């Protein structure tokens, strides 16, 4: 969960040339969660995660998603009026944070065909298949939910035996990754 302090301000009426009542700084909470994704997809009828991965999410769609991330209620106009570049960067960093220390390593070929378009309904289906209760994980950071589903899949499926060709491809790929990571030529 991300907590933000929206800055306060003193409104000024141009017509009367007077200041209004001071609006104090306000604390709000945002959650990059399955619930937020569901809200956004219900409005836009598009696969949010796919658009984020492709980098094709428009500014309007992104700002709408930030509003869907708010836990509780807050006036939309007021939220965007008080949002500045510093807070916007905090939200973007929060969305991009993996939110978990877990990692799943797979050996073998990654190209298993075209992946499904990931939507909130598909994520709920994965949770249902794994018999993972929606509550509380639908309120978690979405990347943590993905890790839970992935760990379930790894733990419930026995590893398949790799052919010699698959082993060679994996070794080559792993060597390239390590050379890049360690900045060596081999």
N, C-alpha and C. Protein backbone atom coordinates (compact mmCIF):
# COMPACT_ATOMS: atom_id res chain seq x y z
N UNK A 1 0.85 -1.17 0.00
CA UNK A 1 0.00 0.00 0.00
C UNK A 1 0.89 1.23 0.00
N UNK A 2 0.47 2.23 -0.73
CA UNK A 2 1.21 3.48 -0.82
C UNK A 2 0.40 4.58 -0.14
N UNK A 3 1.04 5.27 0.78
CA UNK A 3 0.39 6.41 1.42
C UNK A 3 0.98 7.68 0.85
N UNK A 4 0.12 8.59 0.45
CA UNK A 4 0.55 9.88 -0.09
C UNK A 4 -0.05 11.00 0.75
N UNK A 5 0.71 12.06 0.87
CA UNK A 5 0.18 13.28 1.49
C UNK A 5 -0.04 14.28 0.37
N UNK A 6 -1.30 14.51 0.07
CA UNK A 6 -1.63 15.51 -0.95
C UNK A 6 -1.44 16.89 -0.33
N UNK A 7 -0.72 17.78 -1.01
CA UNK A 7 -0.44 19.10 -0.42
C UNK A 7 -1.71 19.92 -0.23
N UNK A 8 -1.67 20.75 0.79
CA UNK A 8 -2.77 21.67 1.03
C UNK A 8 -2.62 22.89 0.12
N UNK A 9 -3.63 23.72 0.11
CA UNK A 9 -3.57 24.94 -0.70
C UNK A 9 -4.62 25.92 -0.20
N UNK A 10 -4.47 27.16 -0.66
CA UNK A 10 -5.43 28.20 -0.33
C UNK A 10 -6.05 28.68 -1.63
N UNK A 11 -7.33 28.32 -1.88
CA UNK A 11 -7.95 28.70 -3.16
C UNK A 11 -8.10 30.22 -3.28
N UNK A 12 -7.98 30.68 -4.53
CA UNK A 12 -8.11 32.12 -4.80
C UNK A 12 -9.19 32.32 -5.85
N UNK A 13 -10.15 33.18 -5.56
CA UNK A 13 -11.23 33.50 -6.48
C UNK A 13 -10.83 34.73 -7.30
N UNK A 14 -10.66 34.53 -8.61
CA UNK A 14 -10.21 35.62 -9.49
C UNK A 14 -11.23 36.75 -9.57
N UNK A 15 -12.51 36.39 -9.56
CA UNK A 15 -13.55 37.42 -9.70
C UNK A 15 -13.59 38.36 -8.51
N UNK A 16 -13.60 37.78 -7.31
CA UNK A 16 -13.72 38.62 -6.10
C UNK A 16 -12.37 39.02 -5.54
N UNK A 17 -11.29 38.44 -6.11
CA UNK A 17 -9.93 38.72 -5.65
C UNK A 17 -9.77 38.42 -4.16
N UNK A 18 -10.37 37.30 -3.73
CA UNK A 18 -10.27 36.91 -2.33
C UNK A 18 -9.81 35.45 -2.22
N UNK A 19 -9.23 35.17 -1.07
CA UNK A 19 -8.80 33.80 -0.79
C UNK A 19 -9.93 33.05 -0.09
N UNK A 20 -10.06 31.77 -0.39
CA UNK A 20 -11.05 30.93 0.25
C UNK A 20 -10.47 30.24 1.47
N UNK A 21 -11.23 29.32 2.01
CA UNK A 21 -10.81 28.57 3.19
C UNK A 21 -9.63 27.66 2.83
N UNK A 22 -8.62 27.64 3.66
CA UNK A 22 -7.42 26.84 3.44
C UNK A 22 -7.78 25.36 3.46
N UNK A 23 -7.30 24.64 2.44
CA UNK A 23 -7.49 23.19 2.38
C UNK A 23 -6.21 22.57 2.92
N UNK A 24 -6.34 21.80 4.00
CA UNK A 24 -5.17 21.21 4.66
C UNK A 24 -4.63 20.03 3.87
N UNK A 25 -3.35 19.69 4.06
CA UNK A 25 -2.81 18.48 3.43
C UNK A 25 -3.65 17.26 3.84
N UNK A 26 -3.78 16.32 2.93
CA UNK A 26 -4.63 15.15 3.16
C UNK A 26 -3.86 13.87 2.86
N UNK A 27 -3.99 12.91 3.76
CA UNK A 27 -3.35 11.61 3.55
C UNK A 27 -4.33 10.68 2.84
N UNK A 28 -3.86 10.06 1.75
CA UNK A 28 -4.67 9.06 1.07
C UNK A 28 -3.84 7.79 0.88
N UNK A 29 -4.52 6.69 0.66
CA UNK A 29 -3.86 5.41 0.45
C UNK A 29 -4.22 4.88 -0.93
N UNK A 30 -3.21 4.33 -1.62
CA UNK A 30 -3.43 3.73 -2.93
C UNK A 30 -2.93 2.30 -2.88
N UNK A 31 -3.59 1.43 -3.65
CA UNK A 31 -3.19 0.02 -3.72
C UNK A 31 -3.24 -0.44 -5.17
N UNK A 32 -2.10 -0.93 -5.66
CA UNK A 32 -1.98 -1.52 -7.00
C UNK A 32 -2.44 -2.97 -6.85
N UNK A 33 -3.74 -3.17 -6.91
CA UNK A 33 -4.32 -4.46 -6.54
C UNK A 33 -5.27 -4.98 -7.61
N UNK A 34 -5.69 -6.21 -7.41
CA UNK A 34 -6.65 -6.82 -8.32
C UNK A 34 -7.97 -6.04 -8.33
N UNK A 35 -8.37 -5.53 -7.19
CA UNK A 35 -9.60 -4.73 -7.12
C UNK A 35 -9.46 -3.48 -7.98
N UNK A 36 -8.31 -2.79 -7.87
CA UNK A 36 -8.09 -1.57 -8.66
C UNK A 36 -8.09 -1.88 -10.15
N UNK A 37 -7.44 -2.98 -10.53
CA UNK A 37 -7.41 -3.38 -11.94
C UNK A 37 -8.83 -3.69 -12.43
N UNK A 38 -9.61 -4.40 -11.60
CA UNK A 38 -11.00 -4.72 -11.97
C UNK A 38 -11.82 -3.46 -12.18
N UNK A 39 -11.68 -2.49 -11.28
CA UNK A 39 -12.43 -1.23 -11.43
C UNK A 39 -12.08 -0.56 -12.76
N UNK A 40 -10.77 -0.49 -13.04
CA UNK A 40 -10.32 0.19 -14.26
C UNK A 40 -10.82 -0.53 -15.50
N UNK A 41 -10.70 -1.87 -15.54
CA UNK A 41 -11.13 -2.64 -16.71
C UNK A 41 -12.64 -2.56 -16.90
N UNK A 42 -13.38 -2.38 -15.82
CA UNK A 42 -14.83 -2.23 -15.91
C UNK A 42 -15.18 -0.92 -16.61
N UNK A 43 -14.35 0.10 -16.42
CA UNK A 43 -14.59 1.40 -17.05
C UNK A 43 -14.12 1.41 -18.50
N UNK A 44 -12.90 0.92 -18.76
CA UNK A 44 -12.27 1.06 -20.06
C UNK A 44 -12.47 -0.13 -21.00
N UNK A 45 -12.83 -1.29 -20.46
CA UNK A 45 -13.04 -2.49 -21.28
C UNK A 45 -11.80 -2.86 -22.09
N UNK A 46 -10.63 -2.71 -21.44
CA UNK A 46 -9.35 -3.04 -22.06
C UNK A 46 -8.51 -3.82 -21.03
N UNK A 47 -7.54 -4.62 -21.50
CA UNK A 47 -6.66 -5.34 -20.57
C UNK A 47 -5.55 -4.41 -20.06
N UNK A 48 -5.69 -3.90 -18.85
CA UNK A 48 -4.77 -2.91 -18.28
C UNK A 48 -3.33 -3.39 -18.26
N UNK A 49 -3.08 -4.60 -17.77
CA UNK A 49 -1.71 -5.08 -17.63
C UNK A 49 -1.01 -5.21 -18.98
N UNK A 50 -1.76 -5.62 -19.98
CA UNK A 50 -1.18 -5.73 -21.33
C UNK A 50 -0.77 -4.34 -21.84
N UNK A 51 -1.65 -3.36 -21.64
CA UNK A 51 -1.34 -2.00 -22.07
C UNK A 51 -0.12 -1.45 -21.33
N UNK A 52 -0.02 -1.76 -20.04
CA UNK A 52 1.13 -1.31 -19.26
C UNK A 52 2.42 -1.97 -19.78
N UNK A 53 2.35 -3.28 -20.04
CA UNK A 53 3.53 -4.00 -20.54
C UNK A 53 3.97 -3.47 -21.90
N UNK A 54 3.00 -3.15 -22.75
CA UNK A 54 3.32 -2.65 -24.09
C UNK A 54 3.73 -1.18 -24.08
N UNK A 55 3.42 -0.49 -22.99
CA UNK A 55 3.71 0.95 -22.94
C UNK A 55 2.73 1.76 -23.76
N UNK A 56 1.52 1.24 -23.98
CA UNK A 56 0.53 1.93 -24.81
C UNK A 56 -0.60 2.56 -24.00
N UNK A 57 -0.46 2.58 -22.70
CA UNK A 57 -1.47 3.20 -21.84
C UNK A 57 -1.39 4.71 -22.02
N UNK A 58 -2.52 5.34 -22.32
CA UNK A 58 -2.52 6.79 -22.50
C UNK A 58 -2.43 7.47 -21.13
N UNK A 59 -2.10 8.75 -21.13
CA UNK A 59 -2.05 9.50 -19.88
C UNK A 59 -3.40 9.49 -19.19
N UNK A 60 -4.47 9.66 -19.97
CA UNK A 60 -5.82 9.67 -19.40
C UNK A 60 -6.13 8.32 -18.74
N UNK A 61 -5.77 7.23 -19.41
CA UNK A 61 -6.01 5.89 -18.86
C UNK A 61 -5.18 5.67 -17.60
N UNK A 62 -3.91 6.13 -17.62
CA UNK A 62 -3.04 5.96 -16.46
C UNK A 62 -3.58 6.75 -15.27
N UNK A 63 -3.97 8.01 -15.50
CA UNK A 63 -4.51 8.81 -14.41
C UNK A 63 -5.80 8.20 -13.86
N UNK A 64 -6.61 7.65 -14.74
CA UNK A 64 -7.82 6.98 -14.30
C UNK A 64 -7.48 5.76 -13.44
N UNK A 65 -6.43 5.03 -13.83
CA UNK A 65 -6.02 3.87 -13.02
C UNK A 65 -5.53 4.34 -11.65
N UNK A 66 -4.79 5.44 -11.60
CA UNK A 66 -4.34 5.95 -10.30
C UNK A 66 -5.54 6.26 -9.42
N UNK A 67 -6.58 6.83 -10.00
CA UNK A 67 -7.78 7.12 -9.22
C UNK A 67 -8.45 5.83 -8.74
N UNK A 68 -8.44 4.78 -9.59
CA UNK A 68 -9.02 3.49 -9.19
C UNK A 68 -8.22 2.85 -8.05
N UNK A 69 -6.95 3.22 -7.92
CA UNK A 69 -6.10 2.66 -6.87
C UNK A 69 -6.40 3.22 -5.48
N UNK A 70 -7.13 4.32 -5.41
CA UNK A 70 -7.40 4.96 -4.12
C UNK A 70 -8.25 4.03 -3.26
N UNK A 71 -7.79 3.79 -2.04
CA UNK A 71 -8.54 2.98 -1.08
C UNK A 71 -9.48 3.93 -0.36
N UNK A 72 -10.77 3.63 -0.41
CA UNK A 72 -11.76 4.53 0.16
C UNK A 72 -12.28 5.44 -0.94
N UNK A 73 -12.74 6.62 -0.54
CA UNK A 73 -13.27 7.54 -1.54
C UNK A 73 -12.57 8.89 -1.43
N UNK A 74 -12.46 9.53 -2.56
CA UNK A 74 -11.84 10.86 -2.62
C UNK A 74 -12.33 11.50 -3.90
N UNK A 75 -12.56 12.79 -3.87
CA UNK A 75 -13.05 13.51 -5.04
C UNK A 75 -12.02 13.47 -6.16
N UNK A 76 -12.45 13.06 -7.34
CA UNK A 76 -11.54 12.89 -8.48
C UNK A 76 -10.88 14.21 -8.89
N UNK A 77 -11.67 15.26 -9.02
CA UNK A 77 -11.13 16.56 -9.44
C UNK A 77 -10.13 17.06 -8.39
N UNK A 78 -10.49 16.92 -7.14
CA UNK A 78 -9.63 17.36 -6.04
C UNK A 78 -8.32 16.56 -6.04
N UNK A 79 -8.40 15.27 -6.31
CA UNK A 79 -7.21 14.41 -6.35
C UNK A 79 -6.24 14.90 -7.42
N UNK A 80 -6.73 15.12 -8.63
CA UNK A 80 -5.84 15.51 -9.72
C UNK A 80 -5.36 16.96 -9.59
N UNK A 81 -6.15 17.81 -8.94
CA UNK A 81 -5.72 19.19 -8.72
C UNK A 81 -4.50 19.23 -7.78
N UNK A 82 -4.45 18.28 -6.84
CA UNK A 82 -3.40 18.30 -5.82
C UNK A 82 -2.22 17.38 -6.14
N UNK A 83 -2.32 16.66 -7.25
CA UNK A 83 -1.26 15.73 -7.65
C UNK A 83 -0.14 16.50 -8.35
N UNK A 84 1.10 16.33 -7.87
CA UNK A 84 2.22 17.01 -8.51
C UNK A 84 3.20 15.97 -9.07
N UNK A 85 4.27 16.43 -9.72
CA UNK A 85 5.23 15.51 -10.34
C UNK A 85 5.89 14.58 -9.33
N UNK A 86 6.18 15.11 -8.15
CA UNK A 86 6.81 14.30 -7.10
C UNK A 86 5.89 13.13 -6.69
N UNK A 87 4.62 13.43 -6.48
CA UNK A 87 3.66 12.38 -6.10
C UNK A 87 3.43 11.40 -7.25
N UNK A 88 3.40 11.92 -8.47
CA UNK A 88 3.22 11.08 -9.65
C UNK A 88 4.37 10.08 -9.77
N UNK A 89 5.59 10.54 -9.51
CA UNK A 89 6.74 9.65 -9.55
C UNK A 89 6.64 8.57 -8.47
N UNK A 90 6.16 8.95 -7.28
CA UNK A 90 5.99 7.97 -6.20
C UNK A 90 5.01 6.88 -6.63
N UNK A 91 3.92 7.26 -7.27
CA UNK A 91 2.92 6.29 -7.72
C UNK A 91 3.51 5.37 -8.79
N UNK A 92 4.21 5.96 -9.75
CA UNK A 92 4.83 5.17 -10.82
C UNK A 92 5.86 4.19 -10.26
N UNK A 93 6.69 4.66 -9.34
CA UNK A 93 7.68 3.78 -8.70
C UNK A 93 6.99 2.65 -7.95
N UNK A 94 5.91 2.97 -7.27
CA UNK A 94 5.16 1.97 -6.51
C UNK A 94 4.58 0.90 -7.44
N UNK A 95 4.02 1.32 -8.56
CA UNK A 95 3.45 0.37 -9.53
C UNK A 95 4.55 -0.54 -10.08
N UNK A 96 5.74 -0.01 -10.32
CA UNK A 96 6.84 -0.78 -10.90
C UNK A 96 7.61 -1.61 -9.88
N UNK A 97 7.39 -1.39 -8.61
CA UNK A 97 8.08 -2.15 -7.56
C UNK A 97 7.59 -3.59 -7.56
N UNK A 98 8.49 -4.58 -7.50
CA UNK A 98 8.05 -5.98 -7.52
C UNK A 98 7.22 -6.39 -6.30
N UNK A 99 7.34 -5.70 -5.19
CA UNK A 99 6.55 -5.94 -3.98
C UNK A 99 6.72 -7.34 -3.40
N UNK A 100 7.77 -8.02 -3.76
CA UNK A 100 8.03 -9.35 -3.21
C UNK A 100 9.51 -9.65 -3.35
N UNK A 101 10.00 -10.52 -2.47
CA UNK A 101 11.39 -10.97 -2.57
C UNK A 101 11.45 -12.33 -3.27
N UNK A 102 10.32 -12.93 -3.53
CA UNK A 102 10.28 -14.25 -4.16
C UNK A 102 10.63 -14.15 -5.64
N UNK A 103 11.25 -15.22 -6.13
CA UNK A 103 11.54 -15.34 -7.56
C UNK A 103 11.34 -16.79 -7.94
N UNK A 104 10.87 -17.00 -9.14
CA UNK A 104 10.69 -18.35 -9.65
C UNK A 104 11.62 -18.51 -10.83
N UNK A 105 12.44 -19.54 -10.78
CA UNK A 105 13.36 -19.82 -11.86
C UNK A 105 12.85 -21.03 -12.62
N UNK A 106 12.73 -20.89 -13.92
CA UNK A 106 12.31 -22.02 -14.73
C UNK A 106 13.42 -22.37 -15.69
N UNK A 107 13.58 -23.63 -15.93
CA UNK A 107 14.59 -24.11 -16.84
C UNK A 107 13.88 -24.58 -18.09
N UNK A 108 14.37 -24.17 -19.21
CA UNK A 108 13.76 -24.65 -20.45
C UNK A 108 13.32 -23.53 -21.35
N UNK A 109 12.52 -23.91 -22.28
CA UNK A 109 12.10 -23.00 -23.32
C UNK A 109 10.98 -22.10 -22.82
N UNK A 110 11.15 -20.79 -23.00
CA UNK A 110 10.12 -19.84 -22.57
C UNK A 110 9.02 -19.67 -23.62
N UNK A 111 9.29 -20.09 -24.84
CA UNK A 111 8.35 -19.86 -25.93
C UNK A 111 7.34 -20.99 -26.04
N UNK A 112 6.32 -20.94 -25.22
CA UNK A 112 5.29 -21.99 -25.20
C UNK A 112 4.06 -21.58 -26.00
N UNK A 113 4.23 -20.69 -26.94
CA UNK A 113 3.09 -20.21 -27.72
C UNK A 113 2.70 -18.82 -27.26
N UNK A 114 1.67 -18.31 -27.87
CA UNK A 114 1.22 -16.96 -27.56
C UNK A 114 0.56 -16.92 -26.17
N UNK A 115 0.99 -15.99 -25.30
CA UNK A 115 0.39 -15.92 -23.97
C UNK A 115 -1.03 -15.37 -24.03
N UNK A 116 -1.83 -15.74 -23.03
CA UNK A 116 -3.19 -15.22 -22.94
C UNK A 116 -3.14 -13.74 -22.58
N UNK A 117 -4.15 -13.00 -22.98
CA UNK A 117 -4.27 -11.61 -22.57
C UNK A 117 -4.73 -11.61 -21.12
N UNK A 118 -3.94 -11.02 -20.27
CA UNK A 118 -4.20 -11.04 -18.84
C UNK A 118 -5.21 -9.97 -18.47
N UNK A 119 -6.35 -10.39 -17.95
CA UNK A 119 -7.38 -9.48 -17.47
C UNK A 119 -7.68 -9.82 -16.02
N UNK A 120 -8.41 -8.96 -15.36
CA UNK A 120 -8.75 -9.22 -13.96
C UNK A 120 -9.54 -10.53 -13.82
N UNK A 121 -10.42 -10.81 -14.79
CA UNK A 121 -11.21 -12.05 -14.71
C UNK A 121 -10.31 -13.28 -14.82
N UNK A 122 -9.30 -13.21 -15.67
CA UNK A 122 -8.37 -14.33 -15.81
C UNK A 122 -7.57 -14.53 -14.52
N UNK A 123 -7.19 -13.44 -13.89
CA UNK A 123 -6.47 -13.56 -12.62
C UNK A 123 -7.37 -14.19 -11.57
N UNK A 124 -8.63 -13.75 -11.51
CA UNK A 124 -9.58 -14.37 -10.58
C UNK A 124 -9.73 -15.86 -10.90
N UNK A 125 -9.74 -16.21 -12.18
CA UNK A 125 -9.85 -17.62 -12.57
C UNK A 125 -8.65 -18.42 -12.07
N UNK A 126 -7.45 -17.85 -12.22
CA UNK A 126 -6.25 -18.53 -11.70
C UNK A 126 -6.35 -18.73 -10.20
N UNK A 127 -6.83 -17.72 -9.50
CA UNK A 127 -7.00 -17.85 -8.05
C UNK A 127 -8.00 -18.96 -7.72
N UNK A 128 -9.09 -18.99 -8.46
CA UNK A 128 -10.12 -20.02 -8.23
C UNK A 128 -9.57 -21.42 -8.51
N UNK A 129 -8.85 -21.57 -9.61
CA UNK A 129 -8.27 -22.87 -9.96
C UNK A 129 -7.32 -23.34 -8.86
N UNK A 130 -6.55 -22.41 -8.31
CA UNK A 130 -5.59 -22.74 -7.26
C UNK A 130 -6.26 -22.82 -5.89
N UNK A 131 -7.56 -22.57 -5.85
CA UNK A 131 -8.32 -22.56 -4.60
C UNK A 131 -7.74 -21.57 -3.59
N UNK A 132 -7.29 -20.45 -4.11
CA UNK A 132 -6.77 -19.36 -3.28
C UNK A 132 -7.93 -18.41 -3.03
N UNK A 133 -8.28 -18.16 -1.78
CA UNK A 133 -9.41 -17.26 -1.51
C UNK A 133 -9.14 -15.85 -2.03
N UNK A 134 -10.16 -15.24 -2.60
CA UNK A 134 -10.01 -13.90 -3.15
C UNK A 134 -9.66 -12.89 -2.07
N UNK A 135 -10.30 -13.04 -0.92
CA UNK A 135 -10.03 -12.14 0.19
C UNK A 135 -9.03 -12.81 1.11
N UNK A 136 -7.91 -12.28 1.40
CA UNK A 136 -7.49 -10.90 1.29
C UNK A 136 -6.62 -10.60 0.06
N UNK A 137 -6.24 -11.62 -0.73
CA UNK A 137 -5.22 -11.37 -1.76
C UNK A 137 -5.69 -10.43 -2.87
N UNK A 138 -6.98 -10.24 -3.06
CA UNK A 138 -7.41 -9.29 -4.09
C UNK A 138 -7.09 -7.85 -3.68
N UNK A 139 -6.74 -7.65 -2.42
CA UNK A 139 -6.36 -6.32 -1.94
C UNK A 139 -4.84 -6.15 -1.92
N UNK A 140 -4.11 -7.21 -2.17
CA UNK A 140 -2.64 -7.14 -2.17
C UNK A 140 -2.14 -6.40 -3.41
N UNK A 141 -0.85 -6.05 -3.37
CA UNK A 141 -0.20 -5.53 -4.56
C UNK A 141 -0.30 -6.62 -5.63
N UNK A 142 -0.61 -6.23 -6.86
CA UNK A 142 -0.89 -7.21 -7.92
C UNK A 142 0.31 -8.10 -8.22
N UNK A 143 1.50 -7.56 -8.09
CA UNK A 143 2.68 -8.38 -8.37
C UNK A 143 2.86 -9.47 -7.32
N UNK A 144 2.43 -9.20 -6.10
CA UNK A 144 2.47 -10.23 -5.06
C UNK A 144 1.45 -11.33 -5.37
N UNK A 145 0.30 -10.96 -5.91
CA UNK A 145 -0.71 -11.96 -6.32
C UNK A 145 -0.14 -12.84 -7.43
N UNK A 146 0.53 -12.21 -8.42
CA UNK A 146 1.14 -12.99 -9.50
C UNK A 146 2.16 -13.99 -8.95
N UNK A 147 2.95 -13.55 -7.98
CA UNK A 147 3.96 -14.44 -7.41
C UNK A 147 3.29 -15.61 -6.70
N UNK A 148 2.21 -15.36 -5.99
CA UNK A 148 1.50 -16.43 -5.31
C UNK A 148 0.98 -17.45 -6.32
N UNK A 149 0.40 -17.00 -7.40
CA UNK A 149 -0.12 -17.90 -8.44
C UNK A 149 1.02 -18.68 -9.08
N UNK A 150 2.12 -17.97 -9.37
CA UNK A 150 3.26 -18.63 -10.00
C UNK A 150 3.89 -19.67 -9.06
N UNK A 151 4.01 -19.33 -7.79
CA UNK A 151 4.56 -20.29 -6.82
C UNK A 151 3.64 -21.51 -6.69
N UNK A 152 2.34 -21.28 -6.69
CA UNK A 152 1.39 -22.40 -6.64
C UNK A 152 1.62 -23.33 -7.84
N UNK A 153 1.75 -22.74 -9.02
CA UNK A 153 1.95 -23.52 -10.24
C UNK A 153 3.24 -24.33 -10.18
N UNK A 154 4.31 -23.69 -9.74
CA UNK A 154 5.60 -24.38 -9.65
C UNK A 154 5.54 -25.52 -8.62
N UNK A 155 4.91 -25.27 -7.50
CA UNK A 155 4.87 -26.27 -6.42
C UNK A 155 3.93 -27.43 -6.73
N UNK A 156 2.94 -27.22 -7.56
CA UNK A 156 1.98 -28.30 -7.83
C UNK A 156 2.25 -29.07 -9.11
N UNK A 157 3.15 -28.57 -9.95
CA UNK A 157 3.48 -29.25 -11.20
C UNK A 157 4.88 -29.84 -11.10
N UNK A 158 5.01 -31.15 -11.27
CA UNK A 158 6.36 -31.74 -11.22
C UNK A 158 7.19 -31.24 -12.39
N UNK A 159 8.50 -31.08 -12.17
CA UNK A 159 9.33 -30.60 -13.28
C UNK A 159 9.37 -31.63 -14.41
N UNK A 160 9.33 -31.12 -15.64
CA UNK A 160 9.38 -32.04 -16.78
C UNK A 160 10.84 -32.30 -17.14
N UNK A 161 11.07 -33.46 -17.69
CA UNK A 161 12.42 -33.82 -18.10
C UNK A 161 12.74 -33.08 -19.41
N UNK A 162 13.94 -32.50 -19.45
CA UNK A 162 14.33 -31.74 -20.62
C UNK A 162 15.13 -32.62 -21.58
N UNK A 163 14.95 -32.35 -22.86
CA UNK A 163 15.75 -33.05 -23.87
C UNK A 163 17.16 -32.47 -23.87
N UNK A 164 18.08 -33.16 -24.50
CA UNK A 164 19.46 -32.66 -24.58
C UNK A 164 19.51 -31.30 -25.28
N UNK A 165 18.70 -31.13 -26.32
CA UNK A 165 18.67 -29.86 -27.04
C UNK A 165 18.16 -28.73 -26.13
N UNK A 166 17.12 -29.01 -25.35
CA UNK A 166 16.60 -28.01 -24.42
C UNK A 166 17.64 -27.65 -23.36
N UNK A 167 18.38 -28.64 -22.89
CA UNK A 167 19.43 -28.38 -21.91
C UNK A 167 20.51 -27.47 -22.50
N UNK A 168 20.92 -27.75 -23.74
CA UNK A 168 21.94 -26.93 -24.40
C UNK A 168 21.44 -25.48 -24.58
N UNK A 169 20.18 -25.32 -25.02
CA UNK A 169 19.63 -23.97 -25.20
C UNK A 169 19.57 -23.23 -23.87
N UNK A 170 19.13 -23.92 -22.83
CA UNK A 170 19.05 -23.28 -21.52
C UNK A 170 20.43 -22.88 -21.04
N UNK A 171 21.43 -23.76 -21.18
CA UNK A 171 22.79 -23.45 -20.74
C UNK A 171 23.34 -22.23 -21.50
N UNK A 172 23.10 -22.19 -22.80
CA UNK A 172 23.58 -21.06 -23.61
C UNK A 172 22.92 -19.76 -23.14
N UNK A 173 21.61 -19.81 -22.95
CA UNK A 173 20.87 -18.63 -22.50
C UNK A 173 21.34 -18.19 -21.12
N UNK A 174 21.54 -19.13 -20.22
CA UNK A 174 21.99 -18.82 -18.86
C UNK A 174 23.41 -18.24 -18.88
N UNK A 175 24.29 -18.76 -19.72
CA UNK A 175 25.64 -18.22 -19.84
C UNK A 175 25.61 -16.78 -20.34
N UNK A 176 24.75 -16.50 -21.33
CA UNK A 176 24.63 -15.14 -21.85
C UNK A 176 24.11 -14.19 -20.76
N UNK A 177 23.14 -14.66 -20.01
CA UNK A 177 22.58 -13.84 -18.92
C UNK A 177 23.66 -13.52 -17.89
N UNK A 178 24.44 -14.53 -17.51
CA UNK A 178 25.49 -14.31 -16.50
C UNK A 178 26.59 -13.39 -17.01
N UNK A 179 26.97 -13.54 -18.29
CA UNK A 179 27.99 -12.66 -18.86
C UNK A 179 27.50 -11.20 -18.83
N UNK A 180 26.24 -11.01 -19.17
CA UNK A 180 25.68 -9.66 -19.17
C UNK A 180 25.61 -9.12 -17.74
N UNK A 181 25.17 -9.95 -16.81
CA UNK A 181 25.03 -9.55 -15.41
C UNK A 181 26.39 -9.21 -14.79
N UNK A 182 27.40 -9.99 -15.11
CA UNK A 182 28.74 -9.82 -14.53
C UNK A 182 29.65 -8.94 -15.39
N UNK A 183 29.13 -8.47 -16.53
CA UNK A 183 29.89 -7.61 -17.44
C UNK A 183 31.22 -8.25 -17.85
N UNK A 184 31.14 -9.52 -18.28
CA UNK A 184 32.34 -10.24 -18.74
C UNK A 184 32.09 -10.75 -20.15
N UNK A 185 33.16 -11.24 -20.77
CA UNK A 185 33.04 -11.80 -22.10
C UNK A 185 33.03 -13.33 -22.06
N UNK A 186 33.11 -13.87 -20.87
CA UNK A 186 33.04 -15.32 -20.75
C UNK A 186 34.28 -15.85 -20.25
